Amino acid sequence: EMQDKIDVMILCGGSATDLPKQTPALARLFNVVDSFDTHARIPE
């Protein structure tokens, strides 16, 4: 509901279970930045 009021959404969840779901879902709506830090899973 805030899509037109936010230029960049910064995602502050954890890499284990939050960001693998949140980042793709929110990237369909917003410009996003995350700190995903599971090195072995960065390509996927």
PDB file of all heavy atoms in Angstrom:
ATOM      1  N   GLU A   1       0.816  -1.207   0.000  1.00  0.00           N
ATOM      2  CA  GLU A   1       0.000   0.000   0.000  1.00  0.00           C
ATOM      3  C   GLU A   1       0.858   1.270   0.000  1.00  0.00           C
ATOM      4  O   GLU A   1       0.347   2.362  -0.256  1.00  0.00           O
ATOM      5  CB  GLU A   1      -0.922  -0.001   1.228  1.00  0.00           C
ATOM      6  CG  GLU A   1      -1.901  -1.181   1.254  1.00  0.00           C
ATOM      7  CD  GLU A   1      -2.720  -1.217   2.527  1.00  0.00           C
ATOM      8  OE1 GLU A   1      -2.744  -0.185   3.255  1.00  0.00           O
ATOM      9  OE2 GLU A   1      -3.339  -2.267   2.804  1.00  0.00           O
ATOM     10  N   MET A   2       2.148   1.122   0.271  1.00  0.00           N
ATOM     11  CA  MET A   2       3.059   2.274   0.329  1.00  0.00           C
ATOM     12  C   MET A   2       3.977   2.337  -0.886  1.00  0.00           C
ATOM     13  O   MET A   2       4.978   3.047  -0.879  1.00  0.00           O
ATOM     14  CB  MET A   2       3.900   2.189   1.608  1.00  0.00           C
ATOM     15  CG  MET A   2       3.108   2.305   2.891  1.00  0.00           C
ATOM     16  SD  MET A   2       2.577   4.005   3.213  1.00  0.00           S
ATOM     17  CE  MET A   2       4.136   4.722   3.752  1.00  0.00           C
ATOM     18  N   GLN A   3       3.624   1.623  -1.938  1.00  0.00           N
ATOM     19  CA  GLN A   3       4.511   1.499  -3.087  1.00  0.00           C
ATOM     20  C   GLN A   3       4.887   2.844  -3.699  1.00  0.00           C
ATOM     21  O   GLN A   3       6.013   3.043  -4.137  1.00  0.00           O
ATOM     22  CB  GLN A   3       3.853   0.606  -4.144  1.00  0.00           C
ATOM     23  CG  GLN A   3       4.780   0.118  -5.235  1.00  0.00           C
ATOM     24  CD  GLN A   3       4.115  -0.898  -6.137  1.00  0.00           C
ATOM     25  OE1 GLN A   3       2.940  -1.221  -5.982  1.00  0.00           O
ATOM     26  NE2 GLN A   3       4.861  -1.399  -7.111  1.00  0.00           N
ATOM     27  N   ASP A   4       3.951   3.781  -3.716  1.00  0.00           N
ATOM     28  CA  ASP A   4       4.222   5.075  -4.339  1.00  0.00           C
ATOM     29  C   ASP A   4       4.844   6.083  -3.379  1.00  0.00           C
ATOM     30  O   ASP A   4       5.105   7.227  -3.751  1.00  0.00           O
ATOM     31  CB  ASP A   4       2.929   5.656  -4.919  1.00  0.00           C
ATOM     32  CG  ASP A   4       1.866   5.914  -3.855  1.00  0.00           C
ATOM     33  OD1 ASP A   4       1.980   5.358  -2.742  1.00  0.00           O
ATOM     34  OD2 ASP A   4       0.918   6.677  -4.141  1.00  0.00           O
ATOM     35  N   LYS A   5       5.126   5.662  -2.145  1.00  0.00           N
ATOM     36  CA  LYS A   5       5.684   6.577  -1.143  1.00  0.00           C
ATOM     37  C   LYS A   5       7.111   6.199  -0.735  1.00  0.00           C
ATOM     38  O   LYS A   5       7.698   6.852   0.137  1.00  0.00           O
ATOM     39  CB  LYS A   5       4.788   6.607   0.096  1.00  0.00           C
ATOM     40  CG  LYS A   5       3.399   7.183  -0.176  1.00  0.00           C
ATOM     41  CD  LYS A   5       2.549   7.187   1.078  1.00  0.00           C
ATOM     42  CE  LYS A   5       1.213   7.899   0.856  1.00  0.00           C
ATOM     43  NZ  LYS A   5       0.390   7.253  -0.177  1.00  0.00           N
ATOM     44  N   ILE A   6       7.641   5.139  -1.335  1.00  0.00           N
ATOM     45  CA  ILE A   6       8.976   4.655  -0.960  1.00  0.00           C
ATOM     46  C   ILE A   6       9.826   4.492  -2.214  1.00  0.00           C
ATOM     47  O   ILE A   6       9.408   3.853  -3.183  1.00  0.00           O
ATOM     48  CB  ILE A   6       8.874   3.317  -0.195  1.00  0.00           C
ATOM     49  CG1 ILE A   6       8.228   3.555   1.180  1.00  0.00           C
ATOM     50  CG2 ILE A   6      10.243   2.659  -0.042  1.00  0.00           C
ATOM     51  CD1 ILE A   6       7.892   2.294   1.934  1.00  0.00           C
ATOM     52  N   ASP A   7      11.016   5.075  -2.190  1.00  0.00           N
ATOM     53  CA  ASP A   7      11.931   4.958  -3.329  1.00  0.00           C
ATOM     54  C   ASP A   7      12.802   3.707  -3.232  1.00  0.00           C
ATOM     55  O   ASP A   7      13.077   3.060  -4.239  1.00  0.00           O
ATOM     56  CB  ASP A   7      12.830   6.197  -3.409  1.00  0.00           C
ATOM     57  CG  ASP A   7      12.034   7.465  -3.664  1.00  0.00           C
ATOM     58  OD1 ASP A   7      11.116   7.417  -4.497  1.00  0.00           O
ATOM     59  OD2 ASP A   7      12.321   8.490  -3.009  1.00  0.00           O
ATOM     60  N   VAL A   8      13.263   3.394  -2.028  1.00  0.00           N
ATOM     61  CA  VAL A   8      14.072   2.198  -1.811  1.00  0.00           C
ATOM     62  C   VAL A   8      13.653   1.565  -0.487  1.00  0.00           C
ATOM     63  O   VAL A   8      13.604   2.247   0.543  1.00  0.00           O
ATOM     64  CB  VAL A   8      15.586   2.505  -1.768  1.00  0.00           C
ATOM     65  CG1 VAL A   8      16.396   1.205  -1.630  1.00  0.00           C
ATOM     66  CG2 VAL A   8      16.041   3.272  -3.001  1.00  0.00           C
ATOM     67  N   MET A   9      13.389   0.254  -0.524  1.00  0.00           N
ATOM     68  CA  MET A   9      13.072  -0.494   0.687  1.00  0.00           C
ATOM     69  C   MET A   9      14.329  -1.240   1.123  1.00  0.00           C
ATOM     70  O   MET A   9      14.909  -2.004   0.344  1.00  0.00           O
ATOM     71  CB  MET A   9      11.948  -1.495   0.427  1.00  0.00           C
ATOM     72  CG  MET A   9      11.519  -2.278   1.667  1.00  0.00           C
ATOM     73  SD  MET A   9      10.483  -1.312   2.798  1.00  0.00           S
ATOM     74  CE  MET A   9       8.884  -1.493   1.963  1.00  0.00           C
ATOM     75  N   ILE A  10      14.747  -1.011   2.362  1.00  0.00           N
ATOM     76  CA  ILE A  10      15.912  -1.702   2.915  1.00  0.00           C
ATOM     77  C   ILE A  10      15.412  -2.858   3.768  1.00  0.00           C
ATOM     78  O   ILE A  10      14.652  -2.664   4.717  1.00  0.00           O
ATOM     79  CB  ILE A  10      16.789  -0.740   3.724  1.00  0.00           C
ATOM     80  CG1 ILE A  10      17.307   0.386   2.811  1.00  0.00           C
ATOM     81  CG2 ILE A  10      17.954  -1.485   4.365  1.00  0.00           C
ATOM     82  CD1 ILE A  10      18.171   1.410   3.517  1.00  0.00           C
ATOM     83  N   LEU A  11      15.860  -4.065   3.430  1.00  0.00           N
ATOM     84  CA  LEU A  11      15.365  -5.280   4.072  1.00  0.00           C
ATOM     85  C   LEU A  11      16.310  -5.697   5.188  1.00  0.00           C
ATOM     86  O   LEU A  11      17.504  -5.892   4.964  1.00  0.00           O
ATOM     87  CB  LEU A  11      15.242  -6.400   3.047  1.00  0.00           C
ATOM     88  CG  LEU A  11      14.494  -6.036   1.747  1.00  0.00           C
ATOM     89  CD1 LEU A  11      14.303  -7.255   0.883  1.00  0.00           C
ATOM     90  CD2 LEU A  11      13.157  -5.380   2.064  1.00  0.00           C
ATOM     91  N   CYS A  12      15.775  -5.857   6.382  1.00  0.00           N
ATOM     92  CA  CYS A  12      16.600  -6.061   7.568  1.00  0.00           C
ATOM     93  C   CYS A  12      16.336  -7.391   8.251  1.00  0.00           C
ATOM     94  O   CYS A  12      16.564  -7.542   9.451  1.00  0.00           O
ATOM     95  CB  CYS A  12      16.378  -4.910   8.546  1.00  0.00           C
ATOM     96  SG  CYS A  12      16.810  -3.297   7.846  1.00  0.00           S
ATOM     97  N   GLY A  13      15.865  -8.373   7.482  1.00  0.00           N
ATOM     98  CA  GLY A  13      15.651  -9.706   8.026  1.00  0.00           C
ATOM     99  C   GLY A  13      16.913 -10.539   7.981  1.00  0.00           C
ATOM    100  O   GLY A  13      17.965 -10.100   7.512  1.00  0.00           O
ATOM    101  N   GLY A  14      16.798 -11.772   8.460  1.00  0.00           N
ATOM    102  CA  GLY A  14      17.937 -12.679   8.492  1.00  0.00           C
ATOM    103  C   GLY A  14      18.100 -13.440   7.195  1.00  0.00           C
ATOM    104  O   GLY A  14      17.135 -13.657   6.447  1.00  0.00           O
ATOM    105  N   SER A  15      19.327 -13.877   6.953  1.00  0.00           N
ATOM    106  CA  SER A  15      19.634 -14.575   5.707  1.00  0.00           C
ATOM    107  C   SER A  15      19.164 -16.025   5.718  1.00  0.00           C
ATOM    108  O   SER A  15      18.990 -16.629   4.660  1.00  0.00           O
ATOM    109  CB  SER A  15      21.139 -14.545   5.441  1.00  0.00           C
ATOM    110  OG  SER A  15      21.577 -13.223   5.268  1.00  0.00           O
ATOM    111  N   ALA A  16      19.001 -16.606   6.896  1.00  0.00           N
ATOM    112  CA  ALA A  16      18.676 -18.027   6.965  1.00  0.00           C
ATOM    113  C   ALA A  16      17.313 -18.335   6.363  1.00  0.00           C
ATOM    114  O   ALA A  16      17.176 -19.230   5.515  1.00  0.00           O
ATOM    115  CB  ALA A  16      18.742 -18.509   8.413  1.00  0.00           C
ATOM    116  N   THR A  17      16.284 -17.580   6.769  1.00  0.00           N
ATOM    117  CA  THR A  17      14.932 -17.888   6.297  1.00  0.00           C
ATOM    118  C   THR A  17      14.161 -16.675   5.788  1.00  0.00           C
ATOM    119  O   THR A  17      13.243 -16.825   4.990  1.00  0.00           O
ATOM    120  CB  THR A  17      14.108 -18.547   7.431  1.00  0.00           C
ATOM    121  OG1 THR A  17      14.083 -17.674   8.566  1.00  0.00           O
ATOM    122  CG2 THR A  17      14.720 -19.883   7.838  1.00  0.00           C
ATOM    123  N   ASP A  18      14.518 -15.457   6.225  1.00  0.00           N
ATOM    124  CA  ASP A  18      13.739 -14.268   5.850  1.00  0.00           C
ATOM    125  C   ASP A  18      14.025 -13.805   4.421  1.00  0.00           C
ATOM    126  O   ASP A  18      13.127 -13.730   3.577  1.00  0.00           O
ATOM    127  CB  ASP A  18      14.022 -13.107   6.816  1.00  0.00           C
ATOM    128  CG  ASP A  18      13.538 -13.374   8.219  1.00  0.00           C
ATOM    129  OD1 ASP A  18      12.572 -14.137   8.370  1.00  0.00           O
ATOM    130  OD2 ASP A  18      14.131 -12.825   9.161  1.00  0.00           O
ATOM    131  N   LEU A  19      15.271 -13.452   4.157  1.00  0.00           N
ATOM    132  CA  LEU A  19      15.616 -12.801   2.892  1.00  0.00           C
ATOM    133  C   LEU A  19      15.394 -13.665   1.650  1.00  0.00           C
ATOM    134  O   LEU A  19      15.015 -13.122   0.602  1.00  0.00           O
ATOM    135  CB  LEU A  19      17.050 -12.272   2.940  1.00  0.00           C
ATOM    136  CG  LEU A  19      17.309 -11.201   4.010  1.00  0.00           C
ATOM    137  CD1 LEU A  19      18.774 -10.787   4.011  1.00  0.00           C
ATOM    138  CD2 LEU A  19      16.411  -9.980   3.804  1.00  0.00           C
ATOM    139  N   PRO A  20      15.610 -14.982   1.698  1.00  0.00           N
ATOM    140  CA  PRO A  20      15.332 -15.772   0.490  1.00  0.00           C
ATOM    141  C   PRO A  20      13.901 -15.640   0.002  1.00  0.00           C
ATOM    142  O   PRO A  20      13.636 -15.782  -1.198  1.00  0.00           O
ATOM    143  CB  PRO A  20      15.646 -17.204   0.934  1.00  0.00           C
ATOM    144  CG  PRO A  20      16.674 -17.048   1.999  1.00  0.00           C
ATOM    145  CD  PRO A  20      16.258 -15.798   2.745  1.00  0.00           C
ATOM    146  N   LYS A  21      12.976 -15.342   0.907  1.00  0.00           N
ATOM    147  CA  LYS A  21      11.569 -15.148   0.517  1.00  0.00           C
ATOM    148  C   LYS A  21      11.237 -13.664   0.352  1.00  0.00           C
ATOM    149  O   LYS A  21      10.577 -13.265  -0.607  1.00  0.00           O
ATOM    150  CB  LYS A  21      10.650 -15.777   1.569  1.00  0.00           C
ATOM    151  CG  LYS A  21      10.779 -17.285   1.676  1.00  0.00           C
ATOM    152  CD  LYS A  21       9.845 -17.837   2.748  1.00  0.00           C
ATOM    153  CE  LYS A  21       9.968 -19.357   2.865  1.00  0.00           C
ATOM    154  NZ  LYS A  21       9.103 -19.905   3.929  1.00  0.00           N
ATOM    155  N   GLN A  22      11.689 -12.849   1.308  1.00  0.00           N
ATOM    156  CA  GLN A  22      11.294 -11.439   1.323  1.00  0.00           C
ATOM    157  C   GLN A  22      11.862 -10.654   0.145  1.00  0.00           C
ATOM    158  O   GLN A  22      11.160  -9.836  -0.460  1.00  0.00           O
ATOM    159  CB  GLN A  22      11.746 -10.779   2.625  1.00  0.00           C
ATOM    160  CG  GLN A  22      10.939 -11.148   3.841  1.00  0.00           C
ATOM    161  CD  GLN A  22      11.427 -10.410   5.079  1.00  0.00           C
ATOM    162  OE1 GLN A  22      12.467  -9.759   5.071  1.00  0.00           O
ATOM    163  NE2 GLN A  22      10.662 -10.514   6.156  1.00  0.00           N
ATOM    164  N   THR A  23      13.142 -10.868  -0.151  1.00  0.00           N
ATOM    165  CA  THR A  23      13.765 -10.027  -1.174  1.00  0.00           C
ATOM    166  C   THR A  23      13.116 -10.210  -2.541  1.00  0.00           C
ATOM    167  O   THR A  23      12.745  -9.218  -3.180  1.00  0.00           O
ATOM    168  CB  THR A  23      15.283 -10.263  -1.242  1.00  0.00           C
ATOM    169  OG1 THR A  23      15.839 -10.133   0.070  1.00  0.00           O
ATOM    170  CG2 THR A  23      15.946  -9.253  -2.163  1.00  0.00           C
ATOM    171  N   PRO A  24      12.922 -11.450  -3.042  1.00  0.00           N
ATOM    172  CA  PRO A  24      12.221 -11.571  -4.332  1.00  0.00           C
ATOM    173  C   PRO A  24      10.794 -11.024  -4.291  1.00  0.00           C
ATOM    174  O   PRO A  24      10.352 -10.361  -5.241  1.00  0.00           O
ATOM    175  CB  PRO A  24      12.222 -13.081  -4.593  1.00  0.00           C
ATOM    176  CG  PRO A  24      13.334 -13.622  -3.775  1.00  0.00           C
ATOM    177  CD  PRO A  24      13.401 -12.752  -2.556  1.00  0.00           C
ATOM    178  N   ALA A  25      10.084 -11.264  -3.186  1.00  0.00           N
ATOM    179  CA  ALA A  25       8.700 -10.796  -3.098  1.00  0.00           C
ATOM    180  C   ALA A  25       8.620  -9.275  -3.139  1.00  0.00           C
ATOM    181  O   ALA A  25       7.798  -8.697  -3.868  1.00  0.00           O
ATOM    182  CB  ALA A  25       8.058 -11.328  -1.809  1.00  0.00           C
ATOM    183  N   LEU A  26       9.482  -8.603  -2.388  1.00  0.00           N
ATOM    184  CA  LEU A  26       9.427  -7.145  -2.336  1.00  0.00           C
ATOM    185  C   LEU A  26      10.077  -6.491  -3.542  1.00  0.00           C
ATOM    186  O   LEU A  26       9.748  -5.361  -3.896  1.00  0.00           O
ATOM    187  CB  LEU A  26      10.071  -6.648  -1.041  1.00  0.00           C
ATOM    188  CG  LEU A  26       9.242  -6.957   0.217  1.00  0.00           C
ATOM    189  CD1 LEU A  26      10.039  -6.725   1.477  1.00  0.00           C
ATOM    190  CD2 LEU A  26       7.958  -6.131   0.244  1.00  0.00           C
ATOM    191  N   ALA A  27      11.009  -7.200  -4.199  1.00  0.00           N
ATOM    192  CA  ALA A  27      11.641  -6.647  -5.406  1.00  0.00           C
ATOM    193  C   ALA A  27      10.647  -6.527  -6.557  1.00  0.00           C
ATOM    194  O   ALA A  27      10.904  -5.794  -7.514  1.00  0.00           O
ATOM    195  CB  ALA A  27      12.822  -7.515  -5.826  1.00  0.00           C
ATOM    196  N   ARG A  28       9.528  -7.205  -6.490  1.00  0.00           N
ATOM    197  CA  ARG A  28       8.479  -7.035  -7.512  1.00  0.00           C
ATOM    198  C   ARG A  28       7.742  -5.712  -7.330  1.00  0.00           C
ATOM    199  O   ARG A  28       7.059  -5.248  -8.247  1.00  0.00           O
ATOM    200  CB  ARG A  28       7.485  -8.195  -7.445  1.00  0.00           C
ATOM    201  CG  ARG A  28       8.081  -9.529  -7.863  1.00  0.00           C
ATOM    202  CD  ARG A  28       7.037 -10.641  -7.873  1.00  0.00           C
ATOM    203  NE  ARG A  28       7.606 -11.886  -8.364  1.00  0.00           N
ATOM    204  CZ  ARG A  28       8.184 -12.798  -7.583  1.00  0.00           C
ATOM    205  NH1 ARG A  28       8.221 -12.594  -6.264  1.00  0.00           N
ATOM    206  NH2 ARG A  28       8.700 -13.903  -8.101  1.00  0.00           N
ATOM    207  N   LEU A  29       7.896  -5.106  -6.127  1.00  0.00           N
ATOM    208  CA  LEU A  29       7.151  -3.886  -5.794  1.00  0.00           C
ATOM    209  C   LEU A  29       8.046  -2.660  -5.628  1.00  0.00           C
ATOM    210  O   LEU A  29       7.621  -1.537  -5.922  1.00  0.00           O
ATOM    211  CB  LEU A  29       6.370  -4.101  -4.491  1.00  0.00           C
ATOM    212  CG  LEU A  29       5.386  -5.263  -4.448  1.00  0.00           C
ATOM    213  CD1 LEU A  29       4.852  -5.453  -3.036  1.00  0.00           C
ATOM    214  CD2 LEU A  29       4.236  -5.024  -5.420  1.00  0.00           C
ATOM    215  N   PHE A  30       9.258  -2.868  -5.119  1.00  0.00           N
ATOM    216  CA  PHE A  30      10.124  -1.745  -4.734  1.00  0.00           C
ATOM    217  C   PHE A  30      11.541  -1.965  -5.265  1.00  0.00           C
ATOM    218  O   PHE A  30      11.967  -3.098  -5.496  1.00  0.00           O
ATOM    219  CB  PHE A  30      10.239  -1.649  -3.204  1.00  0.00           C
ATOM    220  CG  PHE A  30       8.958  -1.463  -2.464  1.00  0.00           C
ATOM    221  CD1 PHE A  30       8.281  -2.550  -1.935  1.00  0.00           C
ATOM    222  CD2 PHE A  30       8.429  -0.191  -2.270  1.00  0.00           C
ATOM    223  CE1 PHE A  30       7.100  -2.387  -1.223  1.00  0.00           C
ATOM    224  CE2 PHE A  30       7.247  -0.012  -1.569  1.00  0.00           C
ATOM    225  CZ  PHE A  30       6.575  -1.109  -1.042  1.00  0.00           C
ATOM    226  N   ASN A  31      12.290  -0.886  -5.379  1.00  0.00           N
ATOM    227  CA  ASN A  31      13.741  -0.996  -5.396  1.00  0.00           C
ATOM    228  C   ASN A  31      14.156  -1.451  -3.994  1.00  0.00           C
ATOM    229  O   ASN A  31      13.660  -0.910  -2.995  1.00  0.00           O
ATOM    230  CB  ASN A  31      14.388   0.350  -5.707  1.00  0.00           C
ATOM    231  CG  ASN A  31      13.980   0.891  -7.061  1.00  0.00           C
ATOM    232  OD1 ASN A  31      14.017   0.182  -8.063  1.00  0.00           O
ATOM    233  ND2 ASN A  31      13.574   2.152  -7.085  1.00  0.00           N
ATOM    234  N   VAL A  32      15.047  -2.433  -3.911  1.00  0.00           N
ATOM    235  CA  VAL A  32      15.374  -2.983  -2.601  1.00  0.00           C
ATOM    236  C   VAL A  32      16.886  -3.135  -2.434  1.00  0.00           C
ATOM    237  O   VAL A  32      17.638  -3.233  -3.404  1.00  0.00           O
ATOM    238  CB  VAL A  32      14.709  -4.355  -2.357  1.00  0.00           C
ATOM    239  CG1 VAL A  32      13.191  -4.246  -2.421  1.00  0.00           C
ATOM    240  CG2 VAL A  32      15.212  -5.401  -3.345  1.00  0.00           C
ATOM    241  N   VAL A  33      17.301  -3.172  -1.158  1.00  0.00           N
ATOM    242  CA  VAL A  33      18.676  -3.493  -0.780  1.00  0.00           C
ATOM    243  C   VAL A  33      18.593  -4.491   0.367  1.00  0.00           C
ATOM    244  O   VAL A  33      17.816  -4.287   1.314  1.00  0.00           O
ATOM    245  CB  VAL A  33      19.460  -2.249  -0.319  1.00  0.00           C
ATOM    246  CG1 VAL A  33      20.882  -2.628   0.078  1.00  0.00           C
ATOM    247  CG2 VAL A  33      19.485  -1.184  -1.402  1.00  0.00           C
ATOM    248  N   ASP A  34      19.389  -5.576   0.275  1.00  0.00           N
ATOM    249  CA  ASP A  34      19.453  -6.494   1.411  1.00  0.00           C
ATOM    250  C   ASP A  34      20.902  -6.784   1.766  1.00  0.00           C
ATOM    251  O   ASP A  34      21.838  -6.367   1.071  1.00  0.00           O
ATOM    252  CB  ASP A  34      18.626  -7.767   1.183  1.00  0.00           C
ATOM    253  CG  ASP A  34      19.317  -8.843   0.330  1.00  0.00           C
ATOM    254  OD1 ASP A  34      20.529  -8.763   0.085  1.00  0.00           O
ATOM    255  OD2 ASP A  34      18.610  -9.784  -0.090  1.00  0.00           O
ATOM    256  N   SER A  35      21.088  -7.504   2.892  1.00  0.00           N
ATOM    257  CA  SER A  35      22.434  -7.852   3.356  1.00  0.00           C
ATOM    258  C   SER A  35      22.596  -9.371   3.418  1.00  0.00           C
ATOM    259  O   SER A  35      23.234  -9.895   4.331  1.00  0.00           O
ATOM    260  CB  SER A  35      22.708  -7.228   4.730  1.00  0.00           C
ATOM    261  OG  SER A  35      21.756  -7.674   5.682  1.00  0.00           O
ATOM    262  N   PHE A  36      22.019 -10.073   2.455  1.00  0.00           N
ATOM    263  CA  PHE A  36      22.099 -11.537   2.416  1.00  0.00           C
ATOM    264  C   PHE A  36      23.561 -11.971   2.517  1.00  0.00           C
ATOM    265  O   PHE A  36      24.396 -11.570   1.708  1.00  0.00           O
ATOM    266  CB  PHE A  36      21.481 -12.050   1.114  1.00  0.00           C
ATOM    267  CG  PHE A  36      21.418 -13.550   1.015  1.00  0.00           C
ATOM    268  CD1 PHE A  36      20.406 -14.254   1.651  1.00  0.00           C
ATOM    269  CD2 PHE A  36      22.370 -14.261   0.302  1.00  0.00           C
ATOM    270  CE1 PHE A  36      20.344 -15.636   1.571  1.00  0.00           C
ATOM    271  CE2 PHE A  36      22.315 -15.639   0.220  1.00  0.00           C
ATOM    272  CZ  PHE A  36      21.300 -16.335   0.853  1.00  0.00           C
ATOM    273  N   ASP A  37      23.880 -12.803   3.507  1.00  0.00           N
ATOM    274  CA  ASP A  37      25.298 -13.078   3.766  1.00  0.00           C
ATOM    275  C   ASP A  37      25.663 -14.561   3.799  1.00  0.00           C
ATOM    276  O   ASP A  37      26.738 -14.916   4.289  1.00  0.00           O
ATOM    277  CB  ASP A  37      25.739 -12.400   5.064  1.00  0.00           C
ATOM    278  CG  ASP A  37      25.063 -12.972   6.309  1.00  0.00           C
ATOM    279  OD1 ASP A  37      24.201 -13.874   6.181  1.00  0.00           O
ATOM    280  OD2 ASP A  37      25.388 -12.518   7.429  1.00  0.00           O
ATOM    281  N   THR A  38      24.803 -15.419   3.275  1.00  0.00           N
ATOM    282  CA  THR A  38      25.174 -16.827   3.152  1.00  0.00           C
ATOM    283  C   THR A  38      25.940 -16.988   1.839  1.00  0.00           C
ATOM    284  O   THR A  38      25.350 -17.152   0.769  1.00  0.00           O
ATOM    285  CB  THR A  38      23.931 -17.739   3.180  1.00  0.00           C
ATOM    286  OG1 THR A  38      23.141 -17.432   4.331  1.00  0.00           O
ATOM    287  CG2 THR A  38      24.343 -19.203   3.230  1.00  0.00           C
ATOM    288  N   HIS A  39      27.259 -16.920   1.908  1.00  0.00           N
ATOM    289  CA  HIS A  39      28.098 -16.851   0.706  1.00  0.00           C
ATOM    290  C   HIS A  39      27.785 -17.964  -0.291  1.00  0.00           C
ATOM    291  O   HIS A  39      27.709 -17.713  -1.496  1.00  0.00           O
ATOM    292  CB  HIS A  39      29.578 -16.907   1.101  1.00  0.00           C
ATOM    293  CG  HIS A  39      30.062 -15.701   1.831  1.00  0.00           C
ATOM    294  ND1 HIS A  39      30.760 -14.680   1.212  1.00  0.00           N
ATOM    295  CD2 HIS A  39      29.942 -15.338   3.133  1.00  0.00           C
ATOM    296  CE1 HIS A  39      31.063 -13.748   2.108  1.00  0.00           C
ATOM    297  NE2 HIS A  39      30.577 -14.125   3.276  1.00  0.00           N
ATOM    298  N   ALA A  40      27.602 -19.175   0.196  1.00  0.00           N
ATOM    299  CA  ALA A  40      27.415 -20.320  -0.701  1.00  0.00           C
ATOM    300  C   ALA A  40      26.116 -20.234  -1.492  1.00  0.00           C
ATOM    301  O   ALA A  40      25.986 -20.860  -2.553  1.00  0.00           O
ATOM    302  CB  ALA A  40      27.449 -21.623   0.098  1.00  0.00           C
ATOM    303  N   ARG A  41      25.165 -19.452  -1.014  1.00  0.00           N
ATOM    304  CA  ARG A  41      23.855 -19.387  -1.670  1.00  0.00           C
ATOM    305  C   ARG A  41      23.621 -18.080  -2.426  1.00  0.00           C
ATOM    306  O   ARG A  41      22.524 -17.843  -2.923  1.00  0.00           O
ATOM    307  CB  ARG A  41      22.744 -19.599  -0.624  1.00  0.00           C
ATOM    308  CG  ARG A  41      22.777 -20.983   0.031  1.00  0.00           C
ATOM    309  CD  ARG A  41      21.594 -21.184   0.952  1.00  0.00           C
ATOM    310  NE  ARG A  41      20.343 -21.091   0.217  1.00  0.00           N
ATOM    311  CZ  ARG A  41      19.148 -20.970   0.815  1.00  0.00           C
ATOM    312  NH1 ARG A  41      19.065 -20.906   2.123  1.00  0.00           N
ATOM    313  NH2 ARG A  41      18.052 -20.885   0.085  1.00  0.00           N
ATOM    314  N   ILE A  42      24.647 -17.241  -2.522  1.00  0.00           N
ATOM    315  CA  ILE A  42      24.480 -15.971  -3.229  1.00  0.00           C
ATOM    316  C   ILE A  42      24.063 -16.169  -4.691  1.00  0.00           C
ATOM    317  O   ILE A  42      23.156 -15.473  -5.170  1.00  0.00           O
ATOM    318  CB  ILE A  42      25.740 -15.102  -3.098  1.00  0.00           C
ATOM    319  CG1 ILE A  42      25.826 -14.517  -1.686  1.00  0.00           C
ATOM    320  CG2 ILE A  42      25.746 -13.965  -4.125  1.00  0.00           C
ATOM    321  CD1 ILE A  42      27.093 -13.735  -1.405  1.00  0.00           C
ATOM    322  N   PRO A  43      24.657 -17.100  -5.445  1.00  0.00           N
ATOM    323  CA  PRO A  43      24.236 -17.248  -6.850  1.00  0.00           C
ATOM    324  C   PRO A  43      22.746 -17.558  -7.014  1.00  0.00           C
ATOM    325  O   PRO A  43      22.078 -16.973  -7.876  1.00  0.00           O
ATOM    326  CB  PRO A  43      25.115 -18.391  -7.358  1.00  0.00           C
ATOM    327  CG  PRO A  43      26.356 -18.298  -6.519  1.00  0.00           C
ATOM    328  CD  PRO A  43      25.850 -17.919  -5.158  1.00  0.00           C
ATOM    329  N   GLU A  44      22.206 -18.448  -6.188  1.00  0.00           N
ATOM    330  CA  GLU A  44      20.786 -18.775  -6.333  1.00  0.00           C
ATOM    331  C   GLU A  44      19.903 -17.627  -5.848  1.00  0.00           C
ATOM    332  O   GLU A  44      18.833 -17.365  -6.426  1.00  0.00           O
ATOM    333  CB  GLU A  44      20.441 -20.064  -5.592  1.00  0.00           C
ATOM    334  CG  GLU A  44      20.591 -20.014  -4.087  1.00  0.00           C
ATOM    335  CD  GLU A  44      20.303 -21.355  -3.423  1.00  0.00           C
ATOM    336  OE1 GLU A  44      21.243 -22.166  -3.298  1.00  0.00           O
ATOM    337  OE2 GLU A  44      19.139 -21.591  -3.034  1.00  0.00           O
TER     338      GLU A  44
END
